[in-house]
Amino acid sequence: MTEPKSYKWFLDYLSPFEGHMHGIDTVVFSKQTQFQQVEILDTKSYGRCLVLDGKMQSSEVDEFIYHEALVHPAMFTHPEPKKVFIVGGGEGATLREILRHRSVERVLMVDIDQEVVESCKRHLPQWHQGSFDDPRAEVRYLDARKYLEETTDTYDIIIIDISEPVEEGPAYLLYTKEFYSLVMERLTSGGIISLQAGTTAATSLLNFSAVYQTLRTVFPVVSPYQAPIPSFGLPWGFALASKRFDPRALDEKEIDRRISQRLERELKYYDGETHVGQFFLPKQVRIQMEKQERIIEDNYPLFTYH
């Protein structure tokens, strides 16, 4: 085995004791915004990557896995999603996946950090693929929680596409029981939310299990699931929560039927078989989820390692 060449390295810390190293070709963009440190890097293994506050957000090689896993289980569980709200979603890839659906009439994306969105528009065109220019899409640069507190609009789907709850970052109050209660109030009668919930690795299940238990205090249906995202270095967890629709009630054939009816192009990751399989979590994950007693609240937030 030959020795690795002397590249610059980006170390994505997974815990205080573990990290995922990425060899860097080029630092494309780097800036401290009002809210967070944003970096766009060209790496040897995963191509171009977006990094926020030192944490990998998405990579050129596998961003389709993350964004299809985040968006489509909720979109296809709903019988006819028309109005969609995105919390965060700076790259525009979540917006891209939502706009694939013929039924969608309006998408409002609210991201607090305009500088991140503008840098992604410029440097990550393969992520958004022009979705910001779609007439059905609107982007506002605001605090999403404050916006939802002040509006009376309701949505069929709310996708929460934000970074992990880092203490110095802008996202930690978007993981709490109070925020999920607010989100529920902004859903239509059959409304569904979807969010990323942290790793499902056996060494670090606190965030995933606490998000699951917190959602259960608000929603009657909570469906946790996972997807393999290689650039993250660990298996990754998501959760779908709903007032009444359960994604686990849909079999492989029904999901594939809905995909063929609603989309013009095939997806790269998600289909009926993937949909059914992603909800079968390993035993140790299920045990820890059910044992978890931590409820995330505004006055008792949860922070992941940074």
C-alpha atoms as a PDB file:
ATOM      1  CA  MET A   1       0.000   0.000   0.000  1.00  0.00           C
ATOM      2  CA  THR A   2       1.460   3.341  -1.043  1.00  0.00           C
ATOM      3  CA  GLU A   3       1.630   6.288   1.322  1.00  0.00           C
ATOM      4  CA  PRO A   4      -1.004   9.017   0.755  1.00  0.00           C
ATOM      5  CA  LYS A   5       0.206  12.152  -0.947  1.00  0.00           C
ATOM      6  CA  SER A   6       0.663  15.286   1.112  1.00  0.00           C
ATOM      7  CA  TYR A   7      -2.684  17.023   0.571  1.00  0.00           C
ATOM      8  CA  LYS A   8      -4.253  19.658   2.695  1.00  0.00           C
ATOM      9  CA  TRP A   9      -6.771  17.943   4.926  1.00  0.00           C
ATOM     10  CA  PHE A  10     -10.211  18.844   6.237  1.00  0.00           C
ATOM     11  CA  LEU A  11     -11.100  16.952   9.402  1.00  0.00           C
ATOM     12  CA  ASP A  12     -14.850  16.612   9.927  1.00  0.00           C
ATOM     13  CA  TYR A  13     -15.197  15.821  13.622  1.00  0.00           C
ATOM     14  CA  LEU A  14     -17.819  13.158  14.294  1.00  0.00           C
ATOM     15  CA  SER A  15     -17.222  13.261  18.053  1.00  0.00           C
ATOM     16  CA  PRO A  16     -14.435  14.513  20.348  1.00  0.00           C
ATOM     17  CA  PHE A  17     -12.680  11.195  19.653  1.00  0.00           C
ATOM     18  CA  GLU A  18     -13.427  10.474  15.995  1.00  0.00           C
ATOM     19  CA  GLY A  19     -13.282  12.253  12.670  1.00  0.00           C
ATOM     20  CA  HIS A  20     -13.512  11.801   8.919  1.00  0.00           C
ATOM     21  CA  MET A  21     -10.544  13.173   6.944  1.00  0.00           C
ATOM     22  CA  HIS A  22     -10.966  14.605   3.461  1.00  0.00           C
ATOM     23  CA  GLY A  23      -8.062  15.423   1.175  1.00  0.00           C
ATOM     24  CA  ILE A  24      -8.561  18.926  -0.258  1.00  0.00           C
ATOM     25  CA  ASP A  25      -7.603  20.032  -3.749  1.00  0.00           C
ATOM     26  CA  THR A  26      -8.889  23.604  -3.565  1.00  0.00           C
ATOM     27  CA  VAL A  27     -10.616  25.951  -1.166  1.00  0.00           C
ATOM     28  CA  VAL A  28     -13.178  27.448  -3.552  1.00  0.00           C
ATOM     29  CA  PHE A  29     -14.830  29.805  -1.087  1.00  0.00           C
ATOM     30  CA  SER A  30     -14.448  30.621   2.588  1.00  0.00           C
ATOM     31  CA  LYS A  31     -16.158  33.288   4.658  1.00  0.00           C
ATOM     32  CA  GLN A  32     -17.414  33.971   8.144  1.00  0.00           C
ATOM     33  CA  THR A  33     -20.962  35.248   7.692  1.00  0.00           C
ATOM     34  CA  GLN A  34     -23.054  36.925  10.367  1.00  0.00           C
ATOM     35  CA  PHE A  35     -24.287  33.486  11.431  1.00  0.00           C
ATOM     36  CA  GLN A  36     -21.694  30.826  10.597  1.00  0.00           C
ATOM     37  CA  GLN A  37     -18.464  29.872   8.850  1.00  0.00           C
ATOM     38  CA  VAL A  38     -19.121  28.749   5.268  1.00  0.00           C
ATOM     39  CA  GLU A  39     -16.598  26.853   3.159  1.00  0.00           C
ATOM     40  CA  ILE A  40     -16.875  25.312  -0.291  1.00  0.00           C
ATOM     41  CA  LEU A  41     -14.089  22.817  -0.905  1.00  0.00           C
ATOM     42  CA  ASP A  42     -12.989  20.642  -3.808  1.00  0.00           C
ATOM     43  CA  THR A  43     -12.017  17.289  -2.296  1.00  0.00           C
ATOM     44  CA  LYS A  44     -10.308  14.255  -3.782  1.00  0.00           C
ATOM     45  CA  SER A  45     -12.910  11.644  -2.825  1.00  0.00           C
ATOM     46  CA  TYR A  46     -16.248  13.482  -2.839  1.00  0.00           C
ATOM     47  CA  GLY A  47     -15.749  16.325  -5.299  1.00  0.00           C
ATOM     48  CA  ARG A  48     -17.099  19.726  -4.351  1.00  0.00           C
ATOM     49  CA  CYS A  49     -18.452  19.965  -0.791  1.00  0.00           C
ATOM     50  CA  LEU A  50     -20.332  22.465   1.349  1.00  0.00           C
ATOM     51  CA  VAL A  51     -19.055  22.820   4.928  1.00  0.00           C
ATOM     52  CA  LEU A  52     -20.762  24.935   7.614  1.00  0.00           C
ATOM     53  CA  ASP A  53     -19.096  25.594  10.955  1.00  0.00           C
ATOM     54  CA  GLY A  54     -16.614  22.841  10.216  1.00  0.00           C
ATOM     55  CA  LYS A  55     -19.290  20.201   9.532  1.00  0.00           C
ATOM     56  CA  MET A  56     -19.857  18.490   6.199  1.00  0.00           C
ATOM     57  CA  GLN A  57     -23.290  19.415   4.801  1.00  0.00           C
ATOM     58  CA  SER A  58     -23.307  17.837   1.351  1.00  0.00           C
ATOM     59  CA  SER A  59     -20.956  16.595  -1.337  1.00  0.00           C
ATOM     60  CA  GLU A  60     -21.041  16.431  -5.108  1.00  0.00           C
ATOM     61  CA  VAL A  61     -20.794  12.623  -5.083  1.00  0.00           C
ATOM     62  CA  ASP A  62     -23.639  11.767  -2.702  1.00  0.00           C
ATOM     63  CA  GLU A  63     -25.789  14.862  -2.081  1.00  0.00           C
ATOM     64  CA  PHE A  64     -28.558  13.165  -4.082  1.00  0.00           C
ATOM     65  CA  ILE A  65     -28.838  10.498  -1.379  1.00  0.00           C
ATOM     66  CA  TYR A  66     -29.294  13.029   1.405  1.00  0.00           C
ATOM     67  CA  HIS A  67     -31.735  15.258  -0.460  1.00  0.00           C
ATOM     68  CA  GLU A  68     -33.855  12.465  -1.935  1.00  0.00           C
ATOM     69  CA  ALA A  69     -33.999  10.773   1.483  1.00  0.00           C
ATOM     70  CA  LEU A  70     -35.005  14.023   3.160  1.00  0.00           C
ATOM     71  CA  VAL A  71     -37.661  15.114   0.658  1.00  0.00           C
ATOM     72  CA  HIS A  72     -39.380  12.221  -1.061  1.00  0.00           C
ATOM     73  CA  PRO A  73     -40.665  10.000   1.770  1.00  0.00           C
ATOM     74  CA  ALA A  74     -42.801  12.914   2.974  1.00  0.00           C
ATOM     75  CA  MET A  75     -43.785  14.079  -0.517  1.00  0.00           C
ATOM     76  CA  PHE A  76     -44.918  10.630  -1.644  1.00  0.00           C
ATOM     77  CA  THR A  77     -46.637   9.794   1.647  1.00  0.00           C
ATOM     78  CA  HIS A  78     -48.884  12.832   1.151  1.00  0.00           C
ATOM     79  CA  PRO A  79     -51.693  12.179  -1.394  1.00  0.00           C
ATOM     80  CA  GLU A  80     -51.237  15.503  -3.223  1.00  0.00           C
ATOM     81  CA  PRO A  81     -48.741  18.030  -1.842  1.00  0.00           C
ATOM     82  CA  LYS A  82     -49.326  21.517  -3.241  1.00  0.00           C
ATOM     83  CA  LYS A  83     -47.832  23.995  -0.761  1.00  0.00           C
ATOM     84  CA  VAL A  84     -44.399  23.297   0.705  1.00  0.00           C
ATOM     85  CA  PHE A  85     -42.260  25.217   3.216  1.00  0.00           C
ATOM     86  CA  ILE A  86     -38.488  24.727   3.532  1.00  0.00           C
ATOM     87  CA  VAL A  87     -36.668  25.683   6.717  1.00  0.00           C
ATOM     88  CA  GLY A  88     -33.059  26.286   5.632  1.00  0.00           C
ATOM     89  CA  GLY A  89     -32.000  24.407   2.528  1.00  0.00           C
ATOM     90  CA  GLY A  90     -29.267  26.815   1.424  1.00  0.00           C
ATOM     91  CA  GLU A  91     -27.836  24.747  -1.441  1.00  0.00           C
ATOM     92  CA  GLY A  92     -31.157  24.716  -3.307  1.00  0.00           C
ATOM     93  CA  ALA A  93     -31.066  20.929  -3.678  1.00  0.00           C
ATOM     94  CA  THR A  94     -34.030  20.383  -1.341  1.00  0.00           C
ATOM     95  CA  LEU A  95     -35.911  22.936  -3.425  1.00  0.00           C
ATOM     96  CA  ARG A  96     -34.830  21.071  -6.569  1.00  0.00           C
ATOM     97  CA  GLU A  97     -36.255  17.766  -5.328  1.00  0.00           C
ATOM     98  CA  ILE A  98     -39.570  19.302  -4.214  1.00  0.00           C
ATOM     99  CA  LEU A  99     -40.060  20.998  -7.587  1.00  0.00           C
ATOM    100  CA  ARG A 100     -39.825  17.634  -9.352  1.00  0.00           C
ATOM    101  CA  HIS A 101     -43.375  16.952  -8.165  1.00  0.00           C
ATOM    102  CA  ARG A 102     -46.097  17.952 -10.645  1.00  0.00           C
ATOM    103  CA  SER A 103     -48.622  18.646  -7.893  1.00  0.00           C
ATOM    104  CA  VAL A 104     -46.514  21.375  -6.263  1.00  0.00           C
ATOM    105  CA  GLU A 105     -47.912  24.869  -6.795  1.00  0.00           C
ATOM    106  CA  ARG A 106     -45.815  26.912  -4.353  1.00  0.00           C
ATOM    107  CA  VAL A 107     -42.605  26.472  -2.372  1.00  0.00           C
ATOM    108  CA  LEU A 108     -41.426  29.009   0.167  1.00  0.00           C
ATOM    109  CA  MET A 109     -37.825  28.595   1.313  1.00  0.00           C
ATOM    110  CA  VAL A 110     -36.786  30.598   4.381  1.00  0.00           C
ATOM    111  CA  ASP A 111     -33.075  30.631   5.196  1.00  0.00           C
ATOM    112  CA  ILE A 112     -31.517  32.945   7.746  1.00  0.00           C
ATOM    113  CA  ASP A 113     -28.186  33.274   5.934  1.00  0.00           C
ATOM    114  CA  GLN A 114     -28.351  35.000   2.559  1.00  0.00           C
ATOM    115  CA  GLU A 115     -24.581  34.812   2.124  1.00  0.00           C
ATOM    116  CA  VAL A 116     -24.666  31.016   2.282  1.00  0.00           C
ATOM    117  CA  VAL A 117     -27.464  30.845  -0.296  1.00  0.00           C
ATOM    118  CA  GLU A 118     -25.719  33.294  -2.634  1.00  0.00           C
ATOM    119  CA  SER A 119     -22.432  31.392  -2.392  1.00  0.00           C
ATOM    120  CA  CYS A 120     -24.260  28.142  -3.193  1.00  0.00           C
ATOM    121  CA  LYS A 121     -26.020  29.739  -6.156  1.00  0.00           C
ATOM    122  CA  ARG A 122     -22.647  30.734  -7.542  1.00  0.00           C
ATOM    123  CA  HIS A 123     -20.444  27.768  -6.677  1.00  0.00           C
ATOM    124  CA  LEU A 124     -22.885  24.803  -6.480  1.00  0.00           C
ATOM    125  CA  PRO A 125     -24.964  25.007  -9.685  1.00  0.00           C
ATOM    126  CA  GLN A 126     -25.178  21.220  -9.914  1.00  0.00           C
ATOM    127  CA  TRP A 127     -27.015  21.243  -6.575  1.00  0.00           C
ATOM    128  CA  HIS A 128     -29.787  23.730  -7.351  1.00  0.00           C
ATOM    129  CA  GLN A 129     -29.933  23.158 -11.138  1.00  0.00           C
ATOM    130  CA  GLY A 130     -31.743  26.448 -11.663  1.00  0.00           C
ATOM    131  CA  SER A 131     -34.470  25.700  -9.105  1.00  0.00           C
ATOM    132  CA  PHE A 132     -34.212  29.208  -7.625  1.00  0.00           C
ATOM    133  CA  ASP A 133     -35.556  30.551 -10.935  1.00  0.00           C
ATOM    134  CA  ASP A 134     -38.653  28.332 -10.968  1.00  0.00           C
ATOM    135  CA  PRO A 135     -41.803  30.551 -10.854  1.00  0.00           C
ATOM    136  CA  ARG A 136     -43.289  28.315  -8.152  1.00  0.00           C
ATOM    137  CA  ALA A 137     -40.358  29.051  -5.801  1.00  0.00           C
ATOM    138  CA  GLU A 138     -39.835  31.980  -3.444  1.00  0.00           C
ATOM    139  CA  VAL A 139     -36.828  32.536  -1.170  1.00  0.00           C
ATOM    140  CA  ARG A 140     -36.839  34.804   1.886  1.00  0.00           C
ATOM    141  CA  TYR A 141     -33.884  35.555   4.133  1.00  0.00           C
ATOM    142  CA  LEU A 142     -35.393  35.507   7.595  1.00  0.00           C
ATOM    143  CA  ASP A 143     -35.421  33.626  10.862  1.00  0.00           C
ATOM    144  CA  ALA A 144     -37.696  30.708   9.923  1.00  0.00           C
ATOM    145  CA  ARG A 145     -39.019  30.254  13.441  1.00  0.00           C
ATOM    146  CA  LYS A 146     -39.933  33.919  13.755  1.00  0.00           C
ATOM    147  CA  TYR A 147     -41.603  33.796  10.325  1.00  0.00           C
ATOM    148  CA  LEU A 148     -43.718  30.781  11.281  1.00  0.00           C
ATOM    149  CA  GLU A 149     -44.698  32.468  14.550  1.00  0.00           C
ATOM    150  CA  GLU A 150     -45.988  35.500  12.666  1.00  0.00           C
ATOM    151  CA  THR A 151     -47.691  33.926   9.645  1.00  0.00           C
ATOM    152  CA  THR A 152     -51.047  32.155   9.549  1.00  0.00           C
ATOM    153  CA  ASP A 153     -50.287  30.324   6.289  1.00  0.00           C
ATOM    154  CA  THR A 154     -50.432  26.544   6.332  1.00  0.00           C
ATOM    155  CA  TYR A 155     -48.517  23.983   4.283  1.00  0.00           C
ATOM    156  CA  ASP A 156     -48.980  20.394   3.170  1.00  0.00           C
ATOM    157  CA  ILE A 157     -45.296  19.622   3.694  1.00  0.00           C
ATOM    158  CA  ILE A 158     -42.634  21.307   5.829  1.00  0.00           C
ATOM    159  CA  ILE A 159     -39.059  20.189   5.208  1.00  0.00           C
ATOM    160  CA  ILE A 160     -36.528  21.134   7.894  1.00  0.00           C
ATOM    161  CA  ASP A 161     -33.133  21.126   6.182  1.00  0.00           C
ATOM    162  CA  ILE A 162     -30.763  22.670   8.697  1.00  0.00           C
ATOM    163  CA  SER A 163     -27.329  21.997  10.137  1.00  0.00           C
ATOM    164  CA  GLU A 164     -26.787  20.220  13.424  1.00  0.00           C
ATOM    165  CA  PRO A 165     -27.580  22.032  16.699  1.00  0.00           C
ATOM    166  CA  VAL A 166     -24.194  23.591  17.422  1.00  0.00           C
ATOM    167  CA  GLU A 167     -24.161  25.934  20.431  1.00  0.00           C
ATOM    168  CA  GLU A 168     -22.726  28.899  18.527  1.00  0.00           C
ATOM    169  CA  GLY A 169     -24.745  28.175  15.367  1.00  0.00           C
ATOM    170  CA  PRO A 170     -28.152  29.388  14.162  1.00  0.00           C
ATOM    171  CA  ALA A 171     -30.076  26.084  14.275  1.00  0.00           C
ATOM    172  CA  TYR A 172     -30.394  24.786  17.839  1.00  0.00           C
ATOM    173  CA  LEU A 173     -33.795  26.407  18.553  1.00  0.00           C
ATOM    174  CA  LEU A 174     -35.186  24.603  15.485  1.00  0.00           C
ATOM    175  CA  TYR A 175     -34.871  21.223  17.234  1.00  0.00           C
ATOM    176  CA  THR A 176     -37.081  21.860  20.261  1.00  0.00           C
ATOM    177  CA  LYS A 177     -40.532  20.757  21.395  1.00  0.00           C
ATOM    178  CA  GLU A 178     -41.733  24.358  21.140  1.00  0.00           C
ATOM    179  CA  PHE A 179     -40.569  24.648  17.543  1.00  0.00           C
ATOM    180  CA  TYR A 180     -42.133  21.323  16.522  1.00  0.00           C
ATOM    181  CA  SER A 181     -45.406  22.447  18.119  1.00  0.00           C
ATOM    182  CA  LEU A 182     -45.277  25.621  16.043  1.00  0.00           C
ATOM    183  CA  VAL A 183     -44.565  23.619  12.890  1.00  0.00           C
ATOM    184  CA  MET A 184     -47.551  21.383  13.591  1.00  0.00           C
ATOM    185  CA  GLU A 185     -49.803  24.453  13.808  1.00  0.00           C
ATOM    186  CA  ARG A 186     -48.624  25.513  10.332  1.00  0.00           C
ATOM    187  CA  LEU A 187     -49.552  22.199   8.705  1.00  0.00           C
ATOM    188  CA  THR A 188     -52.754  21.471   6.849  1.00  0.00           C
ATOM    189  CA  SER A 189     -54.980  18.700   8.201  1.00  0.00           C
ATOM    190  CA  GLY A 190     -52.971  16.004   6.431  1.00  0.00           C
ATOM    191  CA  GLY A 191     -49.666  17.802   6.788  1.00  0.00           C
ATOM    192  CA  ILE A 192     -46.268  16.115   7.134  1.00  0.00           C
ATOM    193  CA  ILE A 193     -42.851  17.300   8.252  1.00  0.00           C
ATOM    194  CA  SER A 194     -39.471  15.784   7.420  1.00  0.00           C
ATOM    195  CA  LEU A 195     -36.097  16.521   8.967  1.00  0.00           C
ATOM    196  CA  GLN A 196     -32.563  15.252   9.343  1.00  0.00           C
ATOM    197  CA  ALA A 197     -31.990  14.021  12.888  1.00  0.00           C
ATOM    198  CA  GLY A 198     -28.282  13.258  13.216  1.00  0.00           C
ATOM    199  CA  THR A 199     -26.325  10.048  13.016  1.00  0.00           C
ATOM    200  CA  THR A 200     -27.688   6.595  13.806  1.00  0.00           C
ATOM    201  CA  ALA A 201     -24.216   5.285  14.670  1.00  0.00           C
ATOM    202  CA  ALA A 202     -24.150   3.159  17.822  1.00  0.00           C
ATOM    203  CA  THR A 203     -21.559   5.480  19.405  1.00  0.00           C
ATOM    204  CA  SER A 204     -23.647   8.650  19.084  1.00  0.00           C
ATOM    205  CA  LEU A 205     -27.400   8.093  19.258  1.00  0.00           C
ATOM    206  CA  LEU A 206     -28.331  10.909  21.639  1.00  0.00           C
ATOM    207  CA  ASN A 207     -29.394  13.461  19.017  1.00  0.00           C
ATOM    208  CA  PHE A 208     -31.365  10.982  16.895  1.00  0.00           C
ATOM    209  CA  SER A 209     -33.159   9.379  19.842  1.00  0.00           C
ATOM    210  CA  ALA A 210     -33.874  12.703  21.578  1.00  0.00           C
ATOM    211  CA  VAL A 211     -35.324  14.202  18.384  1.00  0.00           C
ATOM    212  CA  TYR A 212     -37.505  11.104  18.026  1.00  0.00           C
ATOM    213  CA  GLN A 213     -38.840  11.352  21.582  1.00  0.00           C
ATOM    214  CA  THR A 214     -39.336  15.115  21.288  1.00  0.00           C
ATOM    215  CA  LEU A 215     -41.361  14.697  18.094  1.00  0.00           C
ATOM    216  CA  ARG A 216     -43.506  12.070  19.843  1.00  0.00           C
ATOM    217  CA  THR A 217     -44.618  14.656  22.406  1.00  0.00           C
ATOM    218  CA  VAL A 218     -46.154  16.699  19.561  1.00  0.00           C
ATOM    219  CA  PHE A 219     -47.169  14.433  16.655  1.00  0.00           C
ATOM    220  CA  PRO A 220     -49.418  11.349  16.657  1.00  0.00           C
ATOM    221  CA  VAL A 221     -47.346   9.706  13.886  1.00  0.00           C
ATOM    222  CA  VAL A 222     -43.528   9.709  14.070  1.00  0.00           C
ATOM    223  CA  SER A 223     -41.559   7.540  11.651  1.00  0.00           C
ATOM    224  CA  PRO A 224     -37.759   7.513  12.059  1.00  0.00           C
ATOM    225  CA  TYR A 225     -35.530   6.172   9.277  1.00  0.00           C
ATOM    226  CA  GLN A 226     -31.956   6.214   8.029  1.00  0.00           C
ATOM    227  CA  ALA A 227     -29.863   6.456   4.874  1.00  0.00           C
ATOM    228  CA  PRO A 228     -26.194   5.728   4.084  1.00  0.00           C
ATOM    229  CA  ILE A 229     -24.372   8.963   3.208  1.00  0.00           C
ATOM    230  CA  PRO A 230     -20.672   8.147   2.711  1.00  0.00           C
ATOM    231  CA  SER A 231     -19.343  11.705   2.902  1.00  0.00           C
ATOM    232  CA  PHE A 232     -20.788  12.056   6.414  1.00  0.00           C
ATOM    233  CA  GLY A 233     -18.651   9.155   7.628  1.00  0.00           C
ATOM    234  CA  LEU A 234     -21.546   7.631   9.603  1.00  0.00           C
ATOM    235  CA  PRO A 235     -25.060   6.336   8.807  1.00  0.00           C
ATOM    236  CA  TRP A 236     -27.539   9.186   8.979  1.00  0.00           C
ATOM    237  CA  GLY A 237     -30.954   9.470  10.575  1.00  0.00           C
ATOM    238  CA  PHE A 238     -34.113  11.263   9.495  1.00  0.00           C
ATOM    239  CA  ALA A 239     -37.631  11.513  10.842  1.00  0.00           C
ATOM    240  CA  LEU A 240     -41.032  12.013   9.269  1.00  0.00           C
ATOM    241  CA  ALA A 241     -43.848  13.255  11.507  1.00  0.00           C
ATOM    242  CA  SER A 242     -47.481  13.657  10.552  1.00  0.00           C
ATOM    243  CA  LYS A 243     -50.924  14.471  11.813  1.00  0.00           C
ATOM    244  CA  ARG A 244     -52.350  11.309  10.267  1.00  0.00           C
ATOM    245  CA  PHE A 245     -50.401   9.786   7.337  1.00  0.00           C
ATOM    246  CA  ASP A 246     -47.950   6.973   8.122  1.00  0.00           C
ATOM    247  CA  PRO A 247     -45.284   6.276   5.457  1.00  0.00           C
ATOM    248  CA  ARG A 248     -44.909   2.715   6.726  1.00  0.00           C
ATOM    249  CA  ALA A 249     -48.433   1.961   5.506  1.00  0.00           C
ATOM    250  CA  LEU A 250     -47.299   2.304   1.874  1.00  0.00           C
ATOM    251  CA  ASP A 251     -45.785  -0.734   0.215  1.00  0.00           C
ATOM    252  CA  GLU A 252     -43.146  -0.888  -2.500  1.00  0.00           C
ATOM    253  CA  LYS A 253     -45.620  -1.087  -5.388  1.00  0.00           C
ATOM    254  CA  GLU A 254     -47.647   1.905  -4.190  1.00  0.00           C
ATOM    255  CA  ILE A 255     -44.566   4.106  -3.849  1.00  0.00           C
ATOM    256  CA  ASP A 256     -43.351   3.115  -7.319  1.00  0.00           C
ATOM    257  CA  ARG A 257     -46.823   3.835  -8.703  1.00  0.00           C
ATOM    258  CA  ARG A 258     -46.834   7.298  -7.145  1.00  0.00           C
ATOM    259  CA  ILE A 259     -43.331   8.001  -8.477  1.00  0.00           C
ATOM    260  CA  SER A 260     -44.368   7.080 -12.027  1.00  0.00           C
ATOM    261  CA  GLN A 261     -47.480   9.259 -11.795  1.00  0.00           C
ATOM    262  CA  ARG A 262     -45.943  12.333 -10.175  1.00  0.00           C
ATOM    263  CA  LEU A 263     -42.427  12.638 -11.587  1.00  0.00           C
ATOM    264  CA  GLU A 264     -41.121  13.048 -15.114  1.00  0.00           C
ATOM    265  CA  ARG A 265     -37.692  11.552 -14.390  1.00  0.00           C
ATOM    266  CA  GLU A 266     -36.446   8.633 -12.330  1.00  0.00           C
ATOM    267  CA  LEU A 267     -34.727   9.311  -9.041  1.00  0.00           C
ATOM    268  CA  LYS A 268     -31.182   8.141  -8.398  1.00  0.00           C
ATOM    269  CA  TYR A 269     -31.615   6.837  -4.833  1.00  0.00           C
ATOM    270  CA  TYR A 270     -35.227   6.638  -3.728  1.00  0.00           C
ATOM    271  CA  ASP A 271     -37.818   4.138  -4.957  1.00  0.00           C
ATOM    272  CA  GLY A 272     -40.384   1.787  -3.474  1.00  0.00           C
ATOM    273  CA  GLU A 273     -37.876  -0.764  -2.249  1.00  0.00           C
ATOM    274  CA  THR A 274     -35.714   1.934  -0.644  1.00  0.00           C
ATOM    275  CA  HIS A 275     -38.779   3.535   0.959  1.00  0.00           C
ATOM    276  CA  VAL A 276     -39.850   0.339   2.695  1.00  0.00           C
ATOM    277  CA  GLY A 277     -36.339  -0.688   3.740  1.00  0.00           C
ATOM    278  CA  GLN A 278     -35.276   2.625   5.278  1.00  0.00           C
ATOM    279  CA  PHE A 279     -37.754   2.304   8.150  1.00  0.00           C
ATOM    280  CA  PHE A 280     -36.274  -1.022   9.335  1.00  0.00           C
ATOM    281  CA  LEU A 281     -33.775   0.273  11.862  1.00  0.00           C
ATOM    282  CA  PRO A 282     -31.197  -1.988  13.564  1.00  0.00           C
ATOM    283  CA  LYS A 283     -32.109  -3.452  16.938  1.00  0.00           C
ATOM    284  CA  GLN A 284     -29.596  -1.410  18.954  1.00  0.00           C
ATOM    285  CA  VAL A 285     -30.948   1.812  17.435  1.00  0.00           C
ATOM    286  CA  ARG A 286     -34.551   0.882  18.233  1.00  0.00           C
ATOM    287  CA  ILE A 287     -33.654   0.001  21.819  1.00  0.00           C
ATOM    288  CA  GLN A 288     -31.844   3.283  22.438  1.00  0.00           C
ATOM    289  CA  MET A 289     -34.658   5.288  20.842  1.00  0.00           C
ATOM    290  CA  GLU A 290     -37.256   3.775  23.134  1.00  0.00           C
ATOM    291  CA  LYS A 291     -35.053   4.093  26.251  1.00  0.00           C
ATOM    292  CA  GLN A 292     -34.289   7.751  25.610  1.00  0.00           C
ATOM    293  CA  GLU A 293     -35.925  10.126  28.104  1.00  0.00           C
ATOM    294  CA  ARG A 294     -34.387  13.393  26.912  1.00  0.00           C
ATOM    295  CA  ILE A 295     -36.923  15.903  25.551  1.00  0.00           C
ATOM    296  CA  ILE A 296     -35.393  18.911  23.778  1.00  0.00           C
ATOM    297  CA  GLU A 297     -36.899  22.221  24.901  1.00  0.00           C
ATOM    298  CA  ASP A 298     -36.108  25.901  24.409  1.00  0.00           C
ATOM    299  CA  ASN A 299     -34.785  26.189  27.953  1.00  0.00           C
ATOM    300  CA  TYR A 300     -33.087  22.782  27.749  1.00  0.00           C
ATOM    301  CA  PRO A 301     -31.553  22.609  24.242  1.00  0.00           C
ATOM    302  CA  LEU A 302     -29.386  19.813  22.914  1.00  0.00           C
ATOM    303  CA  PHE A 303     -26.028  20.547  21.311  1.00  0.00           C
ATOM    304  CA  THR A 304     -23.981  18.159  19.226  1.00  0.00           C
ATOM    305  CA  TYR A 305     -20.211  18.168  19.401  1.00  0.00           C
ATOM    306  CA  HIS A 306     -18.385  20.914  17.507  1.00  0.00           C
END
